[in-house]
Amino acid sequence: MAAASPTTAVPDVADLPPPTDAQQKVIDRIATQRARLRARRVARAQSLALSRQREGAGGIDESMALRLAGFAREHPVAMVAMAGVGLVAGPRRLIRWAGVVLPLLMRLRR
């Protein structure tokens, strides 16, 4: 096999002159972007692993019910307000709105 010609060989880092200020800014931006992308990949992998772990622990309905119970514990005033709106609106309107909102919620859960 033929050896690499001097024109195609990659120069050693020690042979390169130090970067100018403008070049150093670009190098720093590239390094920052690479670190940000690496961190985003790690966070996404963790998020996917956590969601897979949650799916294995319980069903989707259970998860939604647990989330609703947690919301009720954290925001009791909002739950009382929603119950009041439900009483004022009446059962017919609630059923009509449930027919609109439930398909949207089901689509969001996918």
N, C-alpha and C. Protein backbone atom coordinates (compact mmCIF):
# COMPACT_ATOMS: atom_id res chain seq x y z
N MET A 1 0.85 -1.18 0.00
CA MET A 1 0.00 0.00 0.00
C MET A 1 0.88 1.23 0.00
N ALA A 2 0.41 2.25 -0.62
CA ALA A 2 1.19 3.48 -0.72
C ALA A 2 1.01 4.30 0.54
N ALA A 3 2.07 4.98 0.93
CA ALA A 3 2.01 5.85 2.11
C ALA A 3 1.27 7.13 1.75
N ALA A 4 0.72 7.76 2.74
CA ALA A 4 -0.01 9.01 2.51
C ALA A 4 0.94 10.08 2.02
N SER A 5 0.51 10.80 1.03
CA SER A 5 1.37 11.87 0.51
C SER A 5 1.38 13.03 1.48
N PRO A 6 2.41 13.86 1.46
CA PRO A 6 2.50 14.97 2.40
C PRO A 6 1.35 15.97 2.26
N THR A 7 0.73 16.05 1.09
CA THR A 7 -0.34 17.03 0.92
C THR A 7 -1.64 16.57 1.58
N THR A 8 -1.82 15.25 1.74
CA THR A 8 -3.05 14.76 2.35
C THR A 8 -2.89 14.42 3.82
N ALA A 9 -1.67 14.45 4.33
CA ALA A 9 -1.45 14.12 5.73
C ALA A 9 -1.98 15.24 6.62
N VAL A 10 -2.55 14.86 7.75
CA VAL A 10 -3.07 15.83 8.70
C VAL A 10 -1.89 16.36 9.52
N PRO A 11 -1.73 17.68 9.60
CA PRO A 11 -0.60 18.22 10.36
C PRO A 11 -0.79 17.98 11.86
N ASP A 12 0.32 17.87 12.55
CA ASP A 12 0.29 17.67 13.99
C ASP A 12 -0.19 18.96 14.65
N VAL A 13 -0.87 18.83 15.79
CA VAL A 13 -1.41 20.00 16.49
C VAL A 13 -0.29 20.94 16.89
N ALA A 14 0.87 20.40 17.22
CA ALA A 14 2.00 21.25 17.64
C ALA A 14 2.50 22.11 16.48
N ASP A 15 2.27 21.67 15.24
CA ASP A 15 2.74 22.43 14.08
C ASP A 15 1.83 23.60 13.74
N LEU A 16 0.61 23.61 14.27
CA LEU A 16 -0.35 24.67 13.94
C LEU A 16 -0.06 25.93 14.76
N PRO A 17 -0.27 27.10 14.14
CA PRO A 17 -0.10 28.34 14.91
C PRO A 17 -1.27 28.48 15.89
N PRO A 18 -1.09 29.24 16.96
CA PRO A 18 -2.19 29.43 17.90
C PRO A 18 -3.34 30.18 17.22
N PRO A 19 -4.59 29.88 17.60
CA PRO A 19 -5.73 30.53 16.94
C PRO A 19 -5.81 32.02 17.31
N THR A 20 -6.36 32.78 16.36
CA THR A 20 -6.58 34.20 16.63
C THR A 20 -7.77 34.33 17.57
N ASP A 21 -8.04 35.55 18.02
CA ASP A 21 -9.16 35.76 18.93
C ASP A 21 -10.49 35.36 18.29
N ALA A 22 -10.68 35.74 17.02
CA ALA A 22 -11.92 35.40 16.32
C ALA A 22 -12.05 33.88 16.18
N GLN A 23 -10.95 33.22 15.83
CA GLN A 23 -10.98 31.77 15.70
C GLN A 23 -11.26 31.11 17.05
N GLN A 24 -10.68 31.65 18.11
CA GLN A 24 -10.89 31.08 19.44
C GLN A 24 -12.35 31.22 19.87
N LYS A 25 -12.99 32.35 19.50
CA LYS A 25 -14.41 32.52 19.81
C LYS A 25 -15.25 31.45 19.12
N VAL A 26 -14.91 31.17 17.85
CA VAL A 26 -15.65 30.15 17.11
C VAL A 26 -15.42 28.77 17.73
N ILE A 27 -14.17 28.49 18.09
CA ILE A 27 -13.85 27.21 18.72
C ILE A 27 -14.60 27.06 20.04
N ASP A 28 -14.67 28.13 20.82
CA ASP A 28 -15.39 28.09 22.09
C ASP A 28 -16.89 27.87 21.88
N ARG A 29 -17.46 28.54 20.85
CA ARG A 29 -18.88 28.35 20.56
C ARG A 29 -19.16 26.91 20.14
N ILE A 30 -18.27 26.35 19.34
CA ILE A 30 -18.44 24.96 18.91
C ILE A 30 -18.39 24.03 20.11
N ALA A 31 -17.44 24.27 21.00
CA ALA A 31 -17.32 23.42 22.20
C ALA A 31 -18.56 23.55 23.08
N THR A 32 -19.08 24.77 23.22
CA THR A 32 -20.29 24.98 24.02
C THR A 32 -21.48 24.26 23.40
N GLN A 33 -21.60 24.37 22.08
CA GLN A 33 -22.71 23.71 21.40
C GLN A 33 -22.61 22.19 21.52
N ARG A 34 -21.40 21.66 21.39
CA ARG A 34 -21.23 20.21 21.54
C ARG A 34 -21.60 19.75 22.94
N ALA A 35 -21.21 20.53 23.95
CA ALA A 35 -21.55 20.18 25.33
C ALA A 35 -23.07 20.24 25.54
N ARG A 36 -23.71 21.26 24.96
CA ARG A 36 -25.16 21.40 25.09
C ARG A 36 -25.88 20.23 24.41
N LEU A 37 -25.43 19.85 23.22
CA LEU A 37 -26.05 18.73 22.52
C LEU A 37 -25.83 17.42 23.26
N ARG A 38 -24.64 17.25 23.82
CA ARG A 38 -24.34 16.04 24.59
C ARG A 38 -25.26 15.97 25.82
N ALA A 39 -25.43 17.11 26.50
CA ALA A 39 -26.30 17.14 27.68
C ALA A 39 -27.75 16.87 27.29
N ARG A 40 -28.17 17.39 26.15
CA ARG A 40 -29.55 17.15 25.70
C ARG A 40 -29.77 15.68 25.38
N ARG A 41 -28.76 15.04 24.75
CA ARG A 41 -28.87 13.61 24.46
C ARG A 41 -28.98 12.79 25.75
N VAL A 42 -28.16 13.14 26.73
CA VAL A 42 -28.20 12.42 28.01
C VAL A 42 -29.55 12.62 28.69
N ALA A 43 -30.06 13.86 28.69
CA ALA A 43 -31.35 14.13 29.33
C ALA A 43 -32.47 13.38 28.62
N ARG A 44 -32.42 13.32 27.30
CA ARG A 44 -33.45 12.59 26.55
C ARG A 44 -33.38 11.10 26.86
N ALA A 45 -32.18 10.56 26.92
CA ALA A 45 -32.04 9.14 27.24
C ALA A 45 -32.58 8.85 28.64
N GLN A 46 -32.31 9.73 29.59
CA GLN A 46 -32.83 9.55 30.94
C GLN A 46 -34.35 9.64 30.95
N SER A 47 -34.89 10.59 30.21
CA SER A 47 -36.34 10.75 30.15
C SER A 47 -37.01 9.52 29.54
N LEU A 48 -36.43 8.99 28.46
CA LEU A 48 -36.99 7.79 27.85
C LEU A 48 -36.91 6.60 28.79
N ALA A 49 -35.79 6.46 29.48
CA ALA A 49 -35.65 5.35 30.43
C ALA A 49 -36.66 5.47 31.56
N LEU A 50 -36.86 6.68 32.04
CA LEU A 50 -37.82 6.90 33.13
C LEU A 50 -39.25 6.62 32.67
N SER A 51 -39.59 7.05 31.45
CA SER A 51 -40.95 6.80 30.96
C SER A 51 -41.17 5.31 30.72
N ARG A 52 -40.15 4.59 30.25
CA ARG A 52 -40.28 3.14 30.07
C ARG A 52 -40.46 2.45 31.42
N GLN A 53 -39.73 2.95 32.41
CA GLN A 53 -39.83 2.37 33.75
C GLN A 53 -41.24 2.60 34.32
N ARG A 54 -41.78 3.78 34.11
CA ARG A 54 -43.13 4.09 34.60
C ARG A 54 -44.18 3.26 33.88
N GLU A 55 -44.00 3.04 32.57
CA GLU A 55 -44.96 2.24 31.82
C GLU A 55 -44.99 0.81 32.35
N GLY A 56 -43.84 0.29 32.72
CA GLY A 56 -43.78 -1.06 33.23
C GLY A 56 -44.40 -1.19 34.61
N ALA A 57 -44.36 -0.13 35.41
CA ALA A 57 -44.85 -0.20 36.79
C ALA A 57 -46.37 -0.20 36.86
N GLY A 58 -47.03 0.55 36.02
CA GLY A 58 -48.49 0.64 36.10
C GLY A 58 -49.07 0.96 34.74
N GLY A 59 -50.39 0.90 34.65
CA GLY A 59 -51.05 1.17 33.40
C GLY A 59 -51.18 2.66 33.15
N ILE A 60 -51.59 3.00 31.94
CA ILE A 60 -51.75 4.41 31.58
C ILE A 60 -52.89 5.03 32.38
N ASP A 61 -53.99 4.29 32.56
CA ASP A 61 -55.12 4.82 33.31
C ASP A 61 -54.74 5.08 34.76
N GLU A 62 -53.98 4.16 35.33
CA GLU A 62 -53.55 4.34 36.71
C GLU A 62 -52.67 5.58 36.82
N SER A 63 -51.80 5.76 35.86
CA SER A 63 -50.90 6.91 35.87
C SER A 63 -51.71 8.21 35.80
N MET A 64 -52.73 8.24 34.95
CA MET A 64 -53.55 9.44 34.82
C MET A 64 -54.32 9.69 36.12
N ALA A 65 -54.82 8.64 36.73
CA ALA A 65 -55.55 8.78 37.99
C ALA A 65 -54.62 9.27 39.10
N LEU A 66 -53.42 8.72 39.13
CA LEU A 66 -52.46 9.17 40.14
C LEU A 66 -52.08 10.63 39.94
N ARG A 67 -51.92 11.01 38.68
CA ARG A 67 -51.60 12.42 38.40
C ARG A 67 -52.74 13.33 38.82
N LEU A 68 -53.97 12.91 38.56
CA LEU A 68 -55.13 13.71 38.95
C LEU A 68 -55.22 13.82 40.47
N ALA A 69 -54.96 12.72 41.17
CA ALA A 69 -54.98 12.75 42.64
C ALA A 69 -53.88 13.67 43.18
N GLY A 70 -52.72 13.61 42.57
CA GLY A 70 -51.63 14.49 42.98
C GLY A 70 -51.97 15.95 42.74
N PHE A 71 -52.60 16.23 41.61
CA PHE A 71 -53.01 17.61 41.32
C PHE A 71 -54.03 18.08 42.34
N ALA A 72 -54.97 17.20 42.71
CA ALA A 72 -55.99 17.57 43.69
C ALA A 72 -55.37 17.86 45.05
N ARG A 73 -54.35 17.10 45.43
CA ARG A 73 -53.67 17.35 46.70
C ARG A 73 -52.90 18.66 46.67
N GLU A 74 -52.26 18.97 45.55
CA GLU A 74 -51.44 20.17 45.46
C GLU A 74 -52.26 21.44 45.25
N HIS A 75 -53.42 21.32 44.60
CA HIS A 75 -54.22 22.50 44.26
C HIS A 75 -55.67 22.31 44.69
N PRO A 76 -55.94 22.32 45.99
CA PRO A 76 -57.33 22.08 46.43
C PRO A 76 -58.28 23.20 46.01
N VAL A 77 -57.81 24.43 45.97
CA VAL A 77 -58.68 25.55 45.58
C VAL A 77 -59.11 25.39 44.12
N ALA A 78 -58.21 24.98 43.27
CA ALA A 78 -58.56 24.78 41.86
C ALA A 78 -59.58 23.66 41.72
N MET A 79 -59.43 22.61 42.51
CA MET A 79 -60.40 21.51 42.44
C MET A 79 -61.78 21.95 42.92
N VAL A 80 -61.83 22.76 43.97
CA VAL A 80 -63.12 23.28 44.45
C VAL A 80 -63.74 24.18 43.38
N ALA A 81 -62.92 24.99 42.74
CA ALA A 81 -63.43 25.87 41.68
C ALA A 81 -63.97 25.04 40.52
N MET A 82 -63.27 23.98 40.14
CA MET A 82 -63.74 23.14 39.04
C MET A 82 -65.04 22.43 39.42
N ALA A 83 -65.15 21.99 40.66
CA ALA A 83 -66.38 21.35 41.11
C ALA A 83 -67.53 22.36 41.10
N GLY A 84 -67.27 23.60 41.50
CA GLY A 84 -68.29 24.64 41.47
C GLY A 84 -68.75 24.93 40.05
N VAL A 85 -67.83 25.01 39.13
CA VAL A 85 -68.19 25.23 37.72
C VAL A 85 -69.02 24.06 37.21
N GLY A 86 -68.66 22.85 37.63
CA GLY A 86 -69.43 21.67 37.23
C GLY A 86 -70.85 21.70 37.75
N LEU A 87 -71.02 22.15 38.98
CA LEU A 87 -72.37 22.24 39.55
C LEU A 87 -73.20 23.31 38.86
N VAL A 88 -72.57 24.43 38.55
CA VAL A 88 -73.29 25.52 37.89
C VAL A 88 -73.64 25.15 36.45
N ALA A 89 -72.74 24.48 35.76
CA ALA A 89 -72.96 24.16 34.35
C ALA A 89 -74.06 23.12 34.18
N GLY A 90 -74.14 22.18 35.07
CA GLY A 90 -75.17 21.15 34.95
C GLY A 90 -74.66 19.92 34.22
N PRO A 91 -75.37 18.81 34.39
CA PRO A 91 -74.89 17.55 33.83
C PRO A 91 -74.89 17.49 32.31
N ARG A 92 -75.86 18.14 31.68
CA ARG A 92 -75.93 18.07 30.22
C ARG A 92 -74.72 18.75 29.57
N ARG A 93 -74.37 19.93 30.07
CA ARG A 93 -73.19 20.63 29.53
C ARG A 93 -71.91 19.87 29.84
N LEU A 94 -71.83 19.29 31.04
CA LEU A 94 -70.62 18.54 31.39
C LEU A 94 -70.42 17.35 30.46
N ILE A 95 -71.50 16.65 30.14
CA ILE A 95 -71.40 15.51 29.23
C ILE A 95 -71.00 15.98 27.84
N ARG A 96 -71.56 17.10 27.40
CA ARG A 96 -71.22 17.63 26.09
C ARG A 96 -69.74 18.01 26.03
N TRP A 97 -69.25 18.70 27.06
CA TRP A 97 -67.84 19.10 27.09
C TRP A 97 -66.92 17.90 27.25
N ALA A 98 -67.37 16.89 27.99
CA ALA A 98 -66.56 15.68 28.12
C ALA A 98 -66.38 15.01 26.77
N GLY A 99 -67.41 15.07 25.93
CA GLY A 99 -67.30 14.52 24.58
C GLY A 99 -66.30 15.26 23.72
N VAL A 100 -66.03 16.50 24.05
CA VAL A 100 -65.04 17.29 23.30
C VAL A 100 -63.64 17.11 23.90
N VAL A 101 -63.56 17.16 25.22
CA VAL A 101 -62.26 17.18 25.89
C VAL A 101 -61.62 15.79 25.97
N LEU A 102 -62.40 14.75 26.22
CA LEU A 102 -61.82 13.42 26.38
C LEU A 102 -61.06 12.93 25.15
N PRO A 103 -61.58 13.10 23.92
CA PRO A 103 -60.77 12.68 22.77
C PRO A 103 -59.45 13.45 22.66
N LEU A 104 -59.47 14.73 23.05
CA LEU A 104 -58.22 15.49 23.03
C LEU A 104 -57.23 14.95 24.05
N LEU A 105 -57.72 14.61 25.24
CA LEU A 105 -56.84 14.03 26.26
C LEU A 105 -56.29 12.69 25.82
N MET A 106 -57.12 11.88 25.20
CA MET A 106 -56.66 10.57 24.73
C MET A 106 -55.57 10.73 23.68
N ARG A 107 -55.70 11.73 22.82
CA ARG A 107 -54.70 11.97 21.80
C ARG A 107 -53.39 12.46 22.42
N LEU A 108 -53.48 13.26 23.48
CA LEU A 108 -52.28 13.76 24.14
C LEU A 108 -51.54 12.65 24.89
N ARG A 109 -52.25 11.65 25.36
CA ARG A 109 -51.62 10.58 26.13
C ARG A 109 -50.77 9.67 25.26
N ARG A 110 -50.99 9.63 23.97
CA ARG A 110 -50.24 8.74 23.08
C ARG A 110 -48.83 9.16 22.94
